[in-house]
């Protein structure tokens, strides 16, 4: 069923009008994509390594048909079907009227970024494949380091963090680490990874939707950008894209409004639809689930602290300030039903902010400075 749905979607996607926003995205995807045989080979090796790491009762073979597909295309399908479409179906009618014709897509670059792009065919929500890859890698690294009381646990997480830093800072080929089957994942661990990843991805999309809904997409507030390469200038018959740029105040607003959207649609996301029956009996679990999206601020704070290249080009407020501001505004709402619920939320906010306070900083020799 999934396979059939994917190929129907793919045919429609690839036959999009060249002058539309999706057609423009397809042009950029072709510009940046790696040769299909290289990605297929890596996908197959990665899938085999992941299968060894997973518990026996989780069968990954149902997604084997994706192995020979172009990664950014099936990533676009995943975001569209698993996250974006359910969001559109779940938001209020006034928001739906604004965003339902704005497409979403994945651009195959190593940039760790998401944005709203103004194309000749209209606005489009873009998430870079580098961001999707690093969210998954970051959450898995932290999960494993917490599960295994390894003698060299700090060295393990330092090596994982260093890969993230190199992934952003370095150019050229960079081998992506394969899943390590010596660190076995249980069914519960696998679900925890799914939870964190989907929450982060959904919140990022809700943040971009918030920019649109709040009216931040003013045409004179755009930045001409050639993405992460000068190659786009060499592409004939295609206008240079523009990225909407916002004030720092608008970023804080989008963080808050985006979380409000995320909070309302959480139970409508396919992986979490069955959670709603636990709301009354497991409130503490639900509160914890709904703050899992904060891990995107952890990742961005690690990059900000250790990637000078990112600090030089970003127009966003620091991730640490953004999370503290978001937690502060959510705390002021007092929407919880009891003092115990409110205390739980405050404890979760404190825990996430403390992780940012303790985030490691590395010197040029990859040695931890703190």
Protein backbone atom coordinates (compact mmCIF):
# COMPACT_ATOMS: atom_id res chain seq x y z
CA UNK A 1 0.00 0.00 0.00
CA UNK A 2 2.78 2.42 0.97
CA UNK A 3 4.79 1.46 -2.08
CA UNK A 4 1.84 1.97 -4.43
CA UNK A 5 0.98 5.31 -2.83
CA UNK A 6 4.59 6.46 -3.07
CA UNK A 7 4.94 5.77 -6.78
CA UNK A 8 1.60 7.43 -7.59
CA UNK A 9 2.74 10.47 -5.61
CA UNK A 10 6.19 10.41 -7.23
CA UNK A 11 4.78 10.39 -10.77
CA UNK A 12 2.61 13.41 -10.02
CA UNK A 13 5.49 15.14 -8.25
CA UNK A 14 7.97 14.63 -11.09
CA UNK A 15 5.45 15.80 -13.70
CA UNK A 16 4.77 19.09 -11.93
CA UNK A 17 4.60 22.23 -14.05
CA UNK A 18 8.15 23.58 -14.45
CA UNK A 19 6.91 27.09 -13.70
CA UNK A 20 5.27 26.09 -10.42
CA UNK A 21 6.91 26.21 -7.01
CA UNK A 22 7.27 22.42 -7.04
CA UNK A 23 8.75 22.53 -10.54
CA UNK A 24 11.30 25.07 -9.33
CA UNK A 25 12.16 22.83 -6.38
CA UNK A 26 12.64 19.88 -8.73
CA UNK A 27 15.13 21.93 -10.77
CA UNK A 28 17.18 22.69 -7.67
CA UNK A 29 16.99 19.10 -6.45
CA UNK A 30 18.42 17.87 -9.75
CA UNK A 31 21.21 20.43 -9.47
CA UNK A 32 22.35 19.30 -6.05
CA UNK A 33 21.54 15.59 -6.05
CA UNK A 34 24.30 12.99 -6.01
CA UNK A 35 24.40 10.16 -8.59
CA UNK A 36 21.58 7.72 -7.88
CA UNK A 37 23.82 4.65 -7.89
CA UNK A 38 25.95 6.15 -5.08
CA UNK A 39 22.98 6.93 -2.87
CA UNK A 40 21.40 3.52 -3.58
CA UNK A 41 24.59 1.71 -2.61
CA UNK A 42 24.87 3.67 0.64
CA UNK A 43 21.17 3.23 1.42
CA UNK A 44 21.47 -0.53 1.04
CA UNK A 45 24.52 -0.76 3.31
CA UNK A 46 22.92 1.57 5.86
CA UNK A 47 19.65 -0.42 5.84
CA UNK A 48 21.52 -3.69 6.43
CA UNK A 49 23.43 -2.16 9.34
CA UNK A 50 20.23 -0.75 10.85
CA UNK A 51 18.47 -4.11 10.57
CA UNK A 52 21.19 -5.70 12.74
CA UNK A 53 20.81 -2.97 15.35
CA UNK A 54 17.02 -3.21 15.67
CA UNK A 55 15.13 -5.77 17.80
CA UNK A 56 13.91 -8.85 15.96
CA UNK A 57 10.25 -7.88 16.15
CA UNK A 58 10.87 -4.71 14.13
CA UNK A 59 11.01 -5.59 10.44
CA UNK A 60 12.48 -2.89 8.23
CA UNK A 61 12.00 -4.84 5.01
CA UNK A 62 8.70 -3.07 4.32
CA UNK A 63 10.70 0.01 3.30
CA UNK A 64 13.23 -1.83 1.13
CA UNK A 65 11.75 -0.31 -2.04
CA UNK A 66 13.01 3.08 -0.88
CA UNK A 67 16.64 1.91 -1.13
CA UNK A 68 16.83 2.45 -4.88
CA UNK A 69 14.98 5.77 -4.73
CA UNK A 70 16.57 9.23 -4.68
CA UNK A 71 16.88 10.17 -0.97
CA UNK A 72 15.59 13.75 -1.14
CA UNK A 73 12.55 12.60 -3.16
CA UNK A 74 11.39 10.02 -0.63
CA UNK A 75 12.28 12.43 2.18
CA UNK A 76 9.92 14.92 0.51
CA UNK A 77 7.27 12.20 0.30
CA UNK A 78 7.77 11.39 3.98
CA UNK A 79 7.44 15.01 5.12
CA UNK A 80 4.42 15.54 2.87
CA UNK A 81 2.47 12.42 3.81
CA UNK A 82 3.47 11.77 7.41
CA UNK A 83 3.71 15.32 8.74
CA UNK A 84 2.62 18.17 6.46
CA UNK A 85 -0.66 16.74 5.13
CA UNK A 86 -1.89 15.75 8.63
CA UNK A 87 -1.00 19.25 9.85
CA UNK A 88 -3.00 20.88 7.04
CA UNK A 89 -5.95 18.60 7.80
CA UNK A 90 -5.80 19.39 11.53
CA UNK A 91 -5.33 23.16 11.72
CA UNK A 92 -8.16 25.67 11.88
CA UNK A 93 -9.86 26.67 8.64
CA UNK A 94 -8.29 30.13 8.60
CA UNK A 95 -4.78 28.64 8.76
CA UNK A 96 -5.69 25.93 6.26
CA UNK A 97 -6.85 28.54 3.75
CA UNK A 98 -3.44 30.21 3.96
CA UNK A 99 -1.14 27.18 3.68
CA UNK A 100 -3.02 24.43 1.82
CA UNK A 101 -1.58 25.41 -1.58
CA UNK A 102 1.97 25.99 -0.33
CA UNK A 103 4.07 22.90 -1.09
CA UNK A 104 6.88 21.43 1.00
CA UNK A 105 10.10 19.86 -0.21
CA UNK A 106 13.56 18.64 0.74
CA UNK A 107 16.63 20.18 -0.86
CA UNK A 108 19.61 17.78 -1.06
CA UNK A 109 22.27 19.94 0.62
CA UNK A 110 24.32 19.50 3.78
CA UNK A 111 23.01 22.77 5.16
CA UNK A 112 21.31 22.32 8.54
CA UNK A 113 18.43 24.64 7.82
CA UNK A 114 14.74 25.09 7.00
CA UNK A 115 13.06 28.14 5.52
CA UNK A 116 10.24 29.56 3.44
CA UNK A 117 11.51 30.23 -0.08
CA UNK A 118 9.97 32.64 -2.55
CA UNK A 119 10.16 31.08 -6.02
CA UNK A 120 8.79 32.41 -9.32
CA UNK A 121 5.90 29.95 -8.82
CA UNK A 122 5.11 31.11 -5.29
CA UNK A 123 6.31 30.36 -1.75
CA UNK A 124 7.44 26.90 -0.72
CA UNK A 125 8.54 25.42 2.60
CA UNK A 126 12.03 23.98 2.31
CA UNK A 127 13.88 21.65 4.66
CA UNK A 128 17.47 20.73 3.82
CA UNK A 129 18.33 17.03 3.87
CA UNK A 130 21.27 17.95 6.11
CA UNK A 131 18.83 19.03 8.81
CA UNK A 132 16.83 15.80 8.58
CA UNK A 133 20.03 13.74 8.66
CA UNK A 134 21.48 15.58 11.63
CA UNK A 135 18.28 15.48 13.68
CA UNK A 136 18.23 11.70 13.31
CA UNK A 137 21.96 11.32 13.98
CA UNK A 138 21.91 13.68 16.98
CA UNK A 139 18.92 12.11 18.71
CA UNK A 140 20.25 8.58 18.18
CA UNK A 141 23.69 9.51 19.51
CA UNK A 142 22.22 11.00 22.66
CA UNK A 143 19.87 8.08 23.18
CA UNK A 144 22.65 5.51 22.89
CA UNK A 145 25.00 7.47 25.15
CA UNK A 146 22.25 7.54 27.79
CA UNK A 147 21.34 3.87 27.48
CA UNK A 148 24.78 2.36 27.70
CA UNK A 149 26.89 3.02 30.75
CA UNK A 150 30.03 2.91 28.69
CA UNK A 151 33.39 3.49 30.32
CA UNK A 152 34.22 5.79 27.45
CA UNK A 153 30.76 7.35 27.24
CA UNK A 154 32.07 10.89 27.04
CA UNK A 155 34.47 9.93 24.25
CA UNK A 156 31.57 8.34 22.38
CA UNK A 157 29.35 11.41 22.50
CA UNK A 158 32.32 13.67 21.72
CA UNK A 159 33.08 11.67 18.56
CA UNK A 160 29.41 11.83 17.53
CA UNK A 161 29.27 15.58 18.16
CA UNK A 162 32.46 16.04 16.18
CA UNK A 163 30.87 14.38 13.17
CA UNK A 164 27.97 16.85 13.34
CA UNK A 165 30.43 19.75 13.49
CA UNK A 166 32.47 18.36 10.58
CA UNK A 167 29.30 17.69 8.60
CA UNK A 168 28.47 21.37 8.73
CA UNK A 169 31.98 22.84 8.54
CA UNK A 170 33.77 20.66 5.99
CA UNK A 171 33.33 20.45 2.24
CA UNK A 172 33.78 17.45 0.00
CA UNK A 173 33.09 13.79 0.70
CA UNK A 174 32.28 12.88 4.28
CA UNK A 175 31.43 9.28 5.11
CA UNK A 176 28.21 9.05 7.10
CA UNK A 177 28.60 6.73 10.14
CA UNK A 178 26.68 3.47 9.92
CA UNK A 179 24.46 2.24 12.77
CA UNK A 180 26.54 0.19 15.21
CA UNK A 181 24.96 -3.17 15.99
CA UNK A 182 26.98 -3.47 19.21
CA UNK A 183 24.54 -0.87 20.58
CA UNK A 184 21.29 -2.81 20.29
CA UNK A 185 18.01 -0.93 20.37
CA UNK A 186 14.92 -2.31 22.04
CA UNK A 187 11.41 -1.73 20.75
CA UNK A 188 11.03 1.05 23.33
CA UNK A 189 14.32 2.65 22.25
CA UNK A 190 13.24 2.56 18.62
CA UNK A 191 9.96 4.23 19.49
CA UNK A 192 11.81 6.91 21.50
CA UNK A 193 13.90 7.70 18.41
CA UNK A 194 10.79 7.90 16.23
CA UNK A 195 9.13 10.16 18.78
CA UNK A 196 12.00 12.62 19.01
CA UNK A 197 12.62 12.74 15.27
CA UNK A 198 8.98 13.24 14.26
CA UNK A 199 8.42 15.82 17.00
CA UNK A 200 11.45 17.85 15.88
CA UNK A 201 10.50 17.62 12.20
CA UNK A 202 6.87 18.53 12.89
CA UNK A 203 7.83 21.48 15.08
CA UNK A 204 10.19 22.86 12.42
CA UNK A 205 7.37 22.73 9.87
CA UNK A 206 4.98 24.36 12.36
CA UNK A 207 7.57 27.11 12.91
CA UNK A 208 7.69 27.83 9.18
CA UNK A 209 3.90 27.74 8.97
CA UNK A 210 3.80 30.27 11.83
CA UNK A 211 5.96 32.68 9.82
CA UNK A 212 3.42 32.45 7.00
CA UNK A 213 0.34 32.76 9.21
CA UNK A 214 1.79 35.68 11.19
CA UNK A 215 2.25 37.63 7.98
CA UNK A 216 6.05 37.66 8.05
CA UNK A 217 6.30 36.93 4.31
CA UNK A 218 6.69 40.49 3.09
CA UNK A 219 8.18 40.58 -0.39
CA UNK A 220 10.63 43.37 0.33
CA UNK A 221 12.11 41.34 3.21
CA UNK A 222 13.86 38.73 1.13
CA UNK A 223 17.47 37.78 0.70
CA UNK A 224 18.80 36.65 -2.66
CA UNK A 225 20.58 33.39 -2.06
CA UNK A 226 22.40 30.81 -4.15
CA UNK A 227 21.76 28.19 -1.45
CA UNK A 228 25.07 26.62 -0.38
CA UNK A 229 26.82 26.72 -3.73
CA UNK A 230 27.68 29.04 -6.58
CA UNK A 231 26.48 26.41 -9.03
CA UNK A 232 22.97 27.80 -9.06
CA UNK A 233 24.27 30.85 -10.89
CA UNK A 234 25.28 28.57 -13.74
CA UNK A 235 21.80 27.14 -14.16
CA UNK A 236 20.27 28.75 -17.23
CA UNK A 237 16.67 29.89 -17.56
CA UNK A 238 16.02 29.84 -13.83
CA UNK A 239 15.71 32.84 -11.56
CA UNK A 240 17.70 33.00 -8.38
CA UNK A 241 15.60 31.99 -5.35
CA UNK A 242 14.92 34.31 -2.47
CA UNK A 243 14.77 33.36 1.17
CA UNK A 244 12.44 35.25 3.46
CA UNK A 245 14.46 36.90 6.22
CA UNK A 246 12.89 37.88 9.50
CA UNK A 247 13.73 40.05 12.45
CA UNK A 248 14.79 38.28 15.63
CA UNK A 249 11.51 39.34 17.21
CA UNK A 250 9.66 37.53 14.42
CA UNK A 251 11.71 34.38 15.05
CA UNK A 252 10.67 34.38 18.71
CA UNK A 253 7.05 34.89 17.60
CA UNK A 254 7.26 31.99 15.15
CA UNK A 255 8.79 29.74 17.84
CA UNK A 256 5.84 30.42 20.13
CA UNK A 257 3.05 30.32 17.54
CA UNK A 258 4.67 27.31 15.91
CA UNK A 259 4.60 25.43 19.22
CA UNK A 260 0.94 26.29 19.70
CA UNK A 261 0.21 24.76 16.27
CA UNK A 262 2.39 21.74 17.12
CA UNK A 263 0.60 21.24 20.45
CA UNK A 264 -2.81 21.23 18.74
CA UNK A 265 -1.89 18.80 15.96
CA UNK A 266 0.30 16.42 17.99
CA UNK A 267 -2.32 13.66 18.25
CA UNK A 268 -3.18 13.97 14.54
CA UNK A 269 0.31 12.92 13.42
CA UNK A 270 0.11 9.26 12.27
CA UNK A 271 2.73 7.90 14.74
CA UNK A 272 0.89 9.44 17.72
CA UNK A 273 -2.81 9.06 16.90
CA UNK A 274 -3.26 6.28 19.45
CA UNK A 275 -1.77 8.32 22.29
CA UNK A 276 -4.86 10.38 22.98
CA UNK A 277 -6.49 7.61 25.02
CA UNK A 278 -3.61 7.91 27.52
CA UNK A 279 -4.12 11.64 28.14
CA UNK A 280 -6.21 11.31 31.29
CA UNK A 281 -4.21 8.49 32.87
CA UNK A 282 -0.67 9.35 31.72
CA UNK A 283 -0.53 13.14 31.70
CA UNK A 284 3.13 13.21 32.69
CA UNK A 285 4.04 11.05 29.69
CA UNK A 286 2.10 13.27 27.29
CA UNK A 287 3.74 16.42 28.69
CA UNK A 288 7.14 14.80 28.19
CA UNK A 289 6.26 13.75 24.64
CA UNK A 290 5.21 17.26 23.72
CA UNK A 291 8.56 18.73 24.78
CA UNK A 292 10.59 16.25 22.73
CA UNK A 293 10.56 18.79 19.90
CA UNK A 294 12.89 20.96 22.03
CA UNK A 295 15.78 18.71 20.96
CA UNK A 296 16.04 20.74 17.77
CA UNK A 297 17.24 23.63 19.96
CA UNK A 298 19.84 21.31 21.49
CA UNK A 299 21.20 20.44 18.05
CA UNK A 300 21.28 24.04 16.88
CA UNK A 301 22.99 25.18 20.09
CA UNK A 302 25.74 22.58 19.58
CA UNK A 303 26.27 23.89 16.04
CA UNK A 304 26.23 27.54 17.14
CA UNK A 305 28.83 26.94 19.83
CA UNK A 306 31.21 25.04 17.57
CA UNK A 307 30.67 26.18 13.98
CA UNK A 308 31.99 29.66 13.27
CA UNK A 309 30.73 29.33 9.71
CA UNK A 310 27.16 29.06 10.98
CA UNK A 311 27.49 31.98 13.39
CA UNK A 312 28.73 34.19 10.55
CA UNK A 313 25.71 33.64 8.31
CA UNK A 314 22.74 32.99 10.57
CA UNK A 315 20.10 35.67 11.08
CA UNK A 316 18.38 33.66 13.82
CA UNK A 317 18.61 34.47 17.53
CA UNK A 318 20.77 31.99 19.49
CA UNK A 319 19.00 28.69 20.11
CA UNK A 320 19.56 29.01 23.86
CA UNK A 321 17.73 32.36 23.94
CA UNK A 322 14.95 31.00 21.74
CA UNK A 323 14.27 28.02 24.00
CA UNK A 324 14.33 30.12 27.17
CA UNK A 325 11.95 32.62 25.60
CA UNK A 326 9.61 29.85 24.43
CA UNK A 327 9.58 28.15 27.84
CA UNK A 328 8.95 31.49 29.54
CA UNK A 329 5.96 32.30 27.32
CA UNK A 330 4.50 28.82 27.69
CA UNK A 331 4.91 29.02 31.48
CA UNK A 332 2.89 32.23 31.56
CA UNK A 333 -0.10 30.59 29.91
CA UNK A 334 -1.01 28.52 32.98
CA UNK A 335 -3.02 26.14 30.86
CA UNK A 336 -2.29 23.17 33.07
CA UNK A 337 -5.11 21.72 35.12
CA UNK A 338 -3.29 21.26 38.43
CA UNK A 339 -0.26 22.41 40.39
CA UNK A 340 1.38 19.01 39.88
CA UNK A 341 0.97 19.32 36.09
CA UNK A 342 2.42 22.82 36.20
CA UNK A 343 5.39 21.65 38.28
CA UNK A 344 6.02 18.81 35.81
CA UNK A 345 6.08 21.27 32.93
CA UNK A 346 8.46 23.56 34.81
CA UNK A 347 10.74 20.59 35.56
CA UNK A 348 10.80 19.64 31.88
CA UNK A 349 11.61 23.22 30.86
CA UNK A 350 14.40 23.34 33.45
CA UNK A 351 15.84 20.03 32.25
CA UNK A 352 15.96 21.11 28.61
CA UNK A 353 17.53 24.47 29.43
CA UNK A 354 20.14 22.82 31.66
CA UNK A 355 21.18 20.56 28.77
CA UNK A 356 21.84 23.70 26.72
CA UNK A 357 23.82 25.23 29.60
CA UNK A 358 26.03 22.12 29.70
CA UNK A 359 26.47 21.74 25.92
CA UNK A 360 30.13 20.91 25.11
CA UNK A 361 32.46 23.32 23.33
CA UNK A 362 35.42 21.93 21.38
CA UNK A 363 38.73 23.50 20.39
CA UNK A 364 40.44 23.19 17.00
CA UNK A 365 41.95 19.86 18.10
CA UNK A 366 38.48 18.44 18.84
CA UNK A 367 39.18 18.51 22.58
CA UNK A 368 36.34 19.38 24.91
CA UNK A 369 36.92 22.75 26.57
CA UNK A 370 34.23 22.51 29.24
